[in-house]
Amino acid sequence: MSQLVPFLTEDPLPPSRNRRSPVRWTVTALGVIALIVAGVWAVSTVRGLAPAEQAMVAPGQPVDLVVNSGDSLSTLAGRLAEAGVVTSATSFLATAELDERATRIGPGVYSLQTGMDPAQVIEAMLDPASRAAPLVLPEGLRLDETLRITAERTGLPQADLAAATVDSEDLGLPEWSRGRADGFLFPASYEVIPGRTPAQVLGAMVRRFDIASDEVSLEKRAKRMGMSAYDVLIVASLVQAEAAPKDFRKVARVVYNRLDQGMKLQFDSTVNYALKQDTFFLTEDMLTTDSPYNTFVIDGLPPGPINSPGQEAIEAALNPAKGDWLYFVTVDPETLTTRFTADYEQFLVWKQKFREGYAATAAPQAP
């Protein structure tokens, strides 16, 4: 069977606060290259049975096999034979006809090997341990949040995942990433093939980032803006953290306007990042946190992305809206309604109204 290559499909998820529904994607490969697959797309286009004899393939080689929704046993048999998992499609079909459990094989991604007995294949495909585990990464997660969720869904130790982020070459990070994984573990829905290493799991997320980066021409357009791709990614992470998708381009414009005027950004999200928290109200002590990421105390951008932004936020950072805004306030955190202004006094009025309204809704109800 020829080596498999990455391909992509969309499958929106329910929206979450400040995070756009991620794109589902699929990456499979023969051997150790593939690791994560989303959706139920075919590994190869097979109609009917493959040739009776498989190609010469050494036994025991790992194969990640995708089963589509609606695939017949005949289609599955052909795919198994083509991949070298069984000697022939006919032998698998003959075994499947005698084992009614074969009809319970559902769509998904299965970790198999070449040179298996047809009965072994059926047992393996009915074993949950052979099937990919779903992993959903919403947009706007900090690196530590991404690693925690990945550990929970895959069973890989979080410490091992964290250690894997140190080796930029193993992950395939872009040369301009400054050797940091923050911002490059792309938000999406994945299915993790059993037996994959931390570097393989995280590396596939980086490859998905590469796809998004290429689709928006990140490096080329950043250069036209007189910025580095890394700085644009930092802006995208701020945009992702601060507003709903409908306001992404306006927030990006506020970032650039404030930078152009030499103003501190003063984004709450950067303080939350520094303190590894997520809160609407920051105390004076929080605002004075000594951190290179705290934009209340530093000039310019923080030294790196504060989360993994989605493609829409990256696009907004590359194509900000036109406007003179310098301030914005999310006046309703439930609907993510945000107001923008160039007037500081107006900003203070909106900010106070938000605080009063939020305090009223958050107050405990009388018995």
Protein backbone atom coordinates (compact mmCIF):
# COMPACT_ATOMS: atom_id res chain seq x y z
CA MET A 1 0.00 0.00 0.00
CA SER A 2 1.32 3.41 -0.85
CA GLN A 3 2.12 5.78 1.98
CA LEU A 4 -0.80 7.90 3.09
CA VAL A 5 -0.75 11.68 3.03
CA PRO A 6 -2.50 14.35 5.14
CA PHE A 7 -5.94 15.55 4.18
CA LEU A 8 -8.46 17.90 5.73
CA THR A 9 -12.19 18.17 6.37
CA GLU A 10 -14.36 20.57 8.33
CA ASP A 11 -16.65 19.53 11.19
CA PRO A 12 -17.73 22.42 13.41
CA LEU A 13 -18.05 21.97 17.16
CA PRO A 14 -20.48 23.73 19.50
CA PRO A 15 -19.21 27.26 20.19
CA SER A 16 -17.44 28.00 23.46
CA ARG A 17 -16.59 31.33 25.10
CA ASN A 18 -14.12 33.34 23.06
CA ARG A 19 -13.36 30.30 20.94
CA ARG A 20 -14.37 29.54 17.42
CA SER A 21 -15.47 26.06 16.47
CA PRO A 22 -12.34 24.16 15.44
CA VAL A 23 -11.77 22.46 12.14
CA ARG A 24 -11.60 18.72 12.06
CA TRP A 25 -8.69 17.29 10.15
CA THR A 26 -7.20 14.00 9.30
CA VAL A 27 -3.62 12.81 9.16
CA THR A 28 -2.75 9.18 8.60
CA ALA A 29 0.46 7.51 7.50
CA LEU A 30 1.99 4.09 7.13
CA GLY A 31 4.37 3.52 10.05
CA VAL A 32 5.26 6.11 12.61
CA ILE A 33 4.52 9.23 10.58
CA ALA A 34 0.77 9.41 11.16
CA LEU A 35 -0.81 9.94 14.45
CA ILE A 36 -4.03 11.82 14.60
CA VAL A 37 -7.06 11.56 12.40
CA ALA A 38 -10.35 13.45 12.59
CA GLY A 39 -13.60 12.46 10.90
CA VAL A 40 -14.31 9.42 8.87
CA TRP A 41 -12.60 9.90 5.53
CA ALA A 42 -11.24 7.12 3.41
CA VAL A 43 -7.57 6.24 3.40
CA SER A 44 -7.84 5.46 -0.26
CA THR A 45 -10.66 5.26 -2.76
CA VAL A 46 -11.68 1.63 -3.12
CA ARG A 47 -14.75 0.45 -4.94
CA GLY A 48 -15.37 -3.26 -4.52
CA LEU A 49 -12.70 -5.85 -3.89
CA ALA A 50 -8.98 -5.41 -4.25
CA PRO A 51 -6.93 -7.96 -6.18
CA ALA A 52 -7.00 -11.41 -4.59
CA GLU A 53 -3.30 -11.30 -3.78
CA GLN A 54 -1.79 -8.55 -1.66
CA ALA A 55 1.38 -6.72 -2.61
CA MET A 56 4.58 -8.03 -1.06
CA VAL A 57 4.56 -6.39 2.38
CA ALA A 58 6.63 -7.48 5.35
CA PRO A 59 4.40 -8.70 8.20
CA GLY A 60 4.12 -6.79 11.45
CA GLN A 61 4.23 -3.31 9.92
CA PRO A 62 1.81 -0.84 11.57
CA VAL A 63 -1.15 0.30 9.49
CA ASP A 64 -3.65 3.01 10.43
CA LEU A 65 -6.84 2.03 8.66
CA VAL A 66 -9.79 4.39 8.23
CA VAL A 67 -13.34 3.03 8.03
CA ASN A 68 -15.93 5.38 6.58
CA SER A 69 -19.51 5.69 7.72
CA GLY A 70 -21.54 3.46 5.40
CA ASP A 71 -18.62 1.30 4.25
CA SER A 72 -19.67 -2.24 3.36
CA LEU A 73 -17.72 -5.32 4.43
CA SER A 74 -16.69 -5.71 0.79
CA THR A 75 -15.19 -2.22 0.77
CA LEU A 76 -13.45 -2.90 4.08
CA ALA A 77 -12.12 -6.21 2.78
CA GLY A 78 -10.65 -4.52 -0.27
CA ARG A 79 -9.02 -1.86 1.85
CA LEU A 80 -7.52 -4.43 4.23
CA ALA A 81 -6.07 -6.39 1.33
CA GLU A 82 -4.69 -3.29 -0.35
CA ALA A 83 -2.96 -2.30 2.90
CA GLY A 84 -1.49 -5.77 3.29
CA VAL A 85 -3.33 -6.37 6.57
CA VAL A 86 -4.82 -9.60 5.14
CA THR A 87 -3.62 -11.79 2.29
CA SER A 88 -6.77 -11.24 0.25
CA ALA A 89 -10.16 -9.60 0.36
CA THR A 90 -11.83 -12.95 -0.28
CA SER A 91 -10.29 -14.56 2.79
CA PHE A 92 -11.47 -11.71 5.02
CA LEU A 93 -15.00 -11.81 3.59
CA ALA A 94 -15.22 -15.57 4.09
CA THR A 95 -14.25 -15.17 7.74
CA ALA A 96 -16.55 -12.18 8.26
CA GLU A 97 -19.53 -14.10 6.88
CA LEU A 98 -19.04 -16.69 9.63
CA ASP A 99 -18.70 -14.08 12.38
CA GLU A 100 -21.76 -11.88 12.74
CA ARG A 101 -19.80 -9.52 15.01
CA ALA A 102 -18.02 -8.22 11.92
CA THR A 103 -21.13 -6.20 11.09
CA ARG A 104 -20.56 -4.21 14.30
CA ILE A 105 -17.30 -2.71 13.04
CA GLY A 106 -18.02 1.01 12.98
CA PRO A 107 -16.45 4.07 11.38
CA GLY A 108 -13.19 5.29 12.82
CA VAL A 109 -9.45 4.84 12.67
CA TYR A 110 -7.95 1.49 13.64
CA SER A 111 -4.39 0.54 14.55
CA LEU A 112 -3.60 -2.74 12.76
CA GLN A 113 -0.59 -4.57 11.33
CA THR A 114 0.32 -6.17 8.04
CA GLY A 115 0.10 -9.94 7.73
CA MET A 116 -2.78 -10.50 10.17
CA ASP A 117 -5.17 -13.44 10.13
CA PRO A 118 -8.72 -12.35 9.16
CA ALA A 119 -10.10 -13.55 12.50
CA GLN A 120 -7.43 -11.50 14.28
CA VAL A 121 -8.44 -8.45 12.28
CA ILE A 122 -12.07 -8.75 13.38
CA GLU A 123 -11.04 -9.18 17.02
CA ALA A 124 -8.72 -6.18 16.79
CA MET A 125 -11.29 -3.92 15.16
CA LEU A 126 -13.82 -4.77 17.87
CA ASP A 127 -11.27 -4.03 20.59
CA PRO A 128 -11.57 -0.41 21.85
CA ALA A 129 -7.80 -0.37 22.41
CA SER A 130 -7.26 -0.57 18.64
CA ARG A 131 -9.48 2.39 17.91
CA ALA A 132 -8.44 6.04 17.89
CA ALA A 133 -9.46 8.16 20.88
CA PRO A 134 -11.19 11.52 20.24
CA LEU A 135 -9.34 14.66 21.30
CA VAL A 136 -10.96 18.09 21.05
CA LEU A 137 -8.82 21.21 21.46
CA PRO A 138 -10.88 24.42 21.47
CA GLU A 139 -9.34 27.62 20.23
CA GLY A 140 -7.65 29.86 22.75
CA LEU A 141 -6.12 27.23 25.03
CA ARG A 142 -2.89 28.02 26.83
CA LEU A 143 -0.08 25.53 26.33
CA ASP A 144 -0.56 24.03 29.80
CA GLU A 145 -4.29 23.59 29.12
CA THR A 146 -3.59 21.89 25.79
CA LEU A 147 -1.16 19.47 27.42
CA ARG A 148 -3.57 18.71 30.27
CA ILE A 149 -6.48 17.92 27.94
CA THR A 150 -4.23 15.88 25.64
CA ALA A 151 -2.96 13.88 28.61
CA GLU A 152 -6.50 13.22 29.83
CA ARG A 153 -7.73 12.03 26.43
CA THR A 154 -4.69 9.99 25.37
CA GLY A 155 -3.37 8.60 28.63
CA LEU A 156 0.06 10.04 27.89
CA PRO A 157 1.70 11.56 30.99
CA GLN A 158 1.44 15.34 30.98
CA ALA A 159 5.07 15.59 32.06
CA ASP A 160 6.13 13.60 28.98
CA LEU A 161 4.04 15.85 26.74
CA ALA A 162 5.61 18.92 28.33
CA ALA A 163 9.09 17.47 27.82
CA ALA A 164 8.29 16.88 24.14
CA THR A 165 7.58 20.58 23.62
CA VAL A 166 11.23 21.38 24.32
CA ASP A 167 12.54 19.70 21.15
CA SER A 168 11.41 21.98 18.33
CA GLU A 169 12.99 19.73 15.69
CA ASP A 170 11.02 16.65 16.78
CA LEU A 171 7.79 18.65 16.72
CA GLY A 172 8.54 20.17 13.34
CA LEU A 173 8.09 23.73 14.57
CA PRO A 174 8.72 26.47 11.99
CA GLU A 175 12.19 27.98 12.00
CA TRP A 176 10.68 31.28 13.12
CA SER A 177 8.96 29.74 16.19
CA ARG A 178 11.89 30.66 18.45
CA GLY A 179 11.86 27.06 19.62
CA ARG A 180 8.60 27.47 21.55
CA ALA A 181 5.47 25.37 21.10
CA ASP A 182 3.14 28.07 22.50
CA GLY A 183 0.69 29.06 19.77
CA PHE A 184 1.61 26.22 17.41
CA LEU A 185 -0.51 23.34 18.79
CA PHE A 186 -3.42 24.06 16.52
CA PRO A 187 -6.98 23.90 17.90
CA ALA A 188 -9.02 21.18 16.19
CA SER A 189 -10.82 17.89 16.72
CA TYR A 190 -8.47 14.95 16.53
CA GLU A 191 -8.54 11.21 16.88
CA VAL A 192 -5.39 9.80 18.42
CA ILE A 193 -4.10 6.46 17.21
CA PRO A 194 -3.04 4.16 20.09
CA GLY A 195 0.69 3.80 20.69
CA ARG A 196 1.73 7.23 19.47
CA THR A 197 4.49 9.07 21.30
CA PRO A 198 4.13 12.55 22.82
CA ALA A 199 6.27 14.01 20.04
CA GLN A 200 4.09 12.37 17.39
CA VAL A 201 0.87 13.59 18.98
CA LEU A 202 2.05 17.18 19.38
CA GLY A 203 3.89 17.12 16.06
CA ALA A 204 0.65 16.44 14.20
CA MET A 205 -0.89 19.50 15.86
CA VAL A 206 2.05 21.53 14.57
CA ARG A 207 1.52 20.11 11.08
CA ARG A 208 -2.11 21.20 11.29
CA PHE A 209 -0.88 24.68 12.21
CA ASP A 210 1.31 24.60 9.10
CA ILE A 211 -1.77 23.92 6.98
CA ALA A 212 -3.63 26.88 8.47
CA SER A 213 -0.56 29.09 8.15
CA ASP A 214 -0.19 28.23 4.48
CA GLU A 215 -3.89 28.80 3.82
CA VAL A 216 -3.71 32.38 5.08
CA SER A 217 -0.18 32.97 3.67
CA LEU A 218 0.96 33.99 7.15
CA GLU A 219 4.66 34.55 6.47
CA LYS A 220 4.19 36.35 3.16
CA ARG A 221 1.46 38.69 4.40
CA ALA A 222 3.24 39.40 7.68
CA LYS A 223 6.29 40.49 5.70
CA ARG A 224 4.13 42.85 3.63
CA MET A 225 2.89 44.37 6.91
CA GLY A 226 6.47 44.94 8.04
CA MET A 227 6.07 42.37 10.81
CA SER A 228 7.44 38.94 11.57
CA ALA A 229 5.11 35.96 11.32
CA TYR A 230 5.80 35.33 15.01
CA ASP A 231 4.60 38.79 16.04
CA VAL A 232 1.45 38.37 13.95
CA LEU A 233 0.82 35.08 15.74
CA ILE A 234 1.21 36.88 19.08
CA VAL A 235 -1.38 39.45 17.98
CA ALA A 236 -3.68 36.64 16.85
CA SER A 237 -3.45 35.03 20.29
CA LEU A 238 -4.44 38.33 21.93
CA VAL A 239 -7.35 38.69 19.52
CA GLN A 240 -8.46 35.13 20.26
CA ALA A 241 -8.44 35.75 24.01
CA GLU A 242 -10.16 39.12 24.05
CA ALA A 243 -13.31 38.89 21.94
CA ALA A 244 -15.81 36.87 19.95
CA PRO A 245 -15.03 36.08 16.30
CA LYS A 246 -17.32 38.86 15.06
CA ASP A 247 -15.03 41.40 16.75
CA PHE A 248 -11.66 39.81 16.00
CA ARG A 249 -10.70 42.33 13.31
CA LYS A 250 -11.64 45.30 15.50
CA VAL A 251 -9.55 44.00 18.40
CA ALA A 252 -6.63 43.52 16.02
CA ARG A 253 -6.98 47.16 14.97
CA VAL A 254 -6.94 48.27 18.62
CA VAL A 255 -3.68 46.34 19.12
CA TYR A 256 -2.01 48.03 16.16
CA ASN A 257 -3.40 51.48 17.00
CA ARG A 258 -2.08 51.30 20.55
CA LEU A 259 1.31 50.03 19.41
CA ASP A 260 1.53 52.81 16.81
CA GLN A 261 0.87 55.42 19.50
CA GLY A 262 3.34 53.92 21.94
CA MET A 263 0.60 52.95 24.39
CA LYS A 264 0.80 49.92 26.64
CA LEU A 265 -1.68 47.29 25.47
CA GLN A 266 -3.09 46.67 28.98
CA PHE A 267 -4.91 43.47 28.04
CA ASP A 268 -6.38 41.49 30.93
CA SER A 269 -5.74 38.27 29.02
CA THR A 270 -1.99 38.73 29.30
CA VAL A 271 -2.22 38.95 33.09
CA ASN A 272 -4.39 35.85 33.15
CA TYR A 273 -1.77 34.09 31.04
CA ALA A 274 1.03 35.11 33.37
CA LEU A 275 -0.94 33.86 36.39
CA LYS A 276 -2.38 30.79 34.60
CA GLN A 277 -5.93 31.80 35.45
CA ASP A 278 -9.08 32.99 33.70
CA THR A 279 -11.00 35.74 35.47
CA PHE A 280 -12.93 38.86 34.45
CA PHE A 281 -11.87 40.99 37.39
CA LEU A 282 -8.20 41.63 38.11
CA THR A 283 -6.99 43.05 41.41
CA GLU A 284 -4.36 45.76 41.66
CA ASP A 285 -1.87 43.12 42.77
CA MET A 286 -2.64 41.08 39.66
CA LEU A 287 -2.25 44.10 37.39
CA THR A 288 1.25 44.75 38.75
CA THR A 289 2.40 41.14 38.33
CA ASP A 290 6.08 41.06 37.42
CA SER A 291 5.98 39.13 34.16
CA PRO A 292 7.25 39.81 30.63
CA TYR A 293 3.74 38.85 29.49
CA ASN A 294 1.94 41.45 31.61
CA THR A 295 1.05 44.18 29.11
CA PHE A 296 0.05 46.52 31.95
CA VAL A 297 3.74 46.86 32.85
CA ILE A 298 5.65 46.10 29.63
CA ASP A 299 5.80 48.09 26.42
CA GLY A 300 4.80 46.49 23.15
CA LEU A 301 3.82 42.89 22.58
CA PRO A 302 4.44 40.05 25.03
CA PRO A 303 7.40 37.82 24.08
CA GLY A 304 5.22 35.01 22.71
CA PRO A 305 1.66 33.85 21.98
CA ILE A 306 -0.55 33.54 25.06
CA ASN A 307 -2.66 30.75 23.54
CA SER A 308 -3.19 28.74 20.38
CA PRO A 309 -5.29 30.96 18.11
CA GLY A 310 -7.51 29.59 15.39
CA GLN A 311 -7.31 30.43 11.72
CA GLU A 312 -9.94 33.18 11.93
CA ALA A 313 -7.97 35.02 14.61
CA ILE A 314 -4.78 34.70 12.55
CA GLU A 315 -6.61 36.11 9.54
CA ALA A 316 -7.88 39.01 11.67
CA ALA A 317 -4.34 39.82 12.79
CA LEU A 318 -3.32 39.92 9.13
CA ASN A 319 -6.34 41.93 8.03
CA PRO A 320 -7.52 44.24 10.84
CA ALA A 321 -10.62 46.38 10.47
CA LYS A 322 -10.28 50.07 9.70
CA GLY A 323 -10.91 52.36 12.65
CA ASP A 324 -9.38 54.71 15.20
CA TRP A 325 -10.36 52.66 18.27
CA LEU A 326 -7.99 52.55 21.21
CA TYR A 327 -10.24 50.94 23.81
CA PHE A 328 -12.85 48.22 24.02
CA VAL A 329 -15.02 46.69 26.72
CA THR A 330 -16.90 43.41 26.64
CA VAL A 331 -20.08 44.74 28.22
CA ASP A 332 -21.88 41.38 28.29
CA PRO A 333 -19.73 38.30 28.93
CA GLU A 334 -22.66 35.98 28.18
CA THR A 335 -23.26 37.26 24.64
CA LEU A 336 -19.68 38.56 24.23
CA THR A 337 -21.05 41.96 23.20
CA THR A 338 -18.07 44.29 22.88
CA ARG A 339 -17.99 48.06 22.38
CA PHE A 340 -15.13 50.00 20.83
CA THR A 341 -14.13 53.65 21.16
CA ALA A 342 -11.26 56.09 20.75
CA ASP A 343 -12.54 58.12 23.73
CA TYR A 344 -11.01 57.21 27.08
CA GLU A 345 -13.86 58.80 29.05
CA GLN A 346 -16.42 56.75 27.13
CA PHE A 347 -14.34 53.66 27.81
CA LEU A 348 -14.45 54.36 31.56
CA VAL A 349 -18.24 54.76 31.47
CA TRP A 350 -18.70 51.42 29.71
CA LYS A 351 -16.21 49.74 32.00
CA GLN A 352 -18.06 50.92 35.11
CA LYS A 353 -21.42 49.85 33.70
CA PHE A 354 -20.02 46.42 32.98
CA ARG A 355 -18.65 46.08 36.51
CA GLU A 356 -21.97 47.14 38.03
CA GLY A 357 -23.99 44.83 35.82
CA TYR A 358 -21.70 41.87 36.34
CA ALA A 359 -21.61 42.41 40.10
CA ALA A 360 -25.43 42.44 40.18
CA THR A 361 -25.77 39.19 38.23
CA ALA A 362 -23.00 37.51 40.20
CA ALA A 363 -24.44 38.49 43.61
CA PRO A 364 -26.03 35.62 45.57
CA GLN A 365 -29.82 35.55 45.45
CA ALA A 366 -31.74 36.18 48.69
CA PRO A 367 -33.41 33.05 50.10
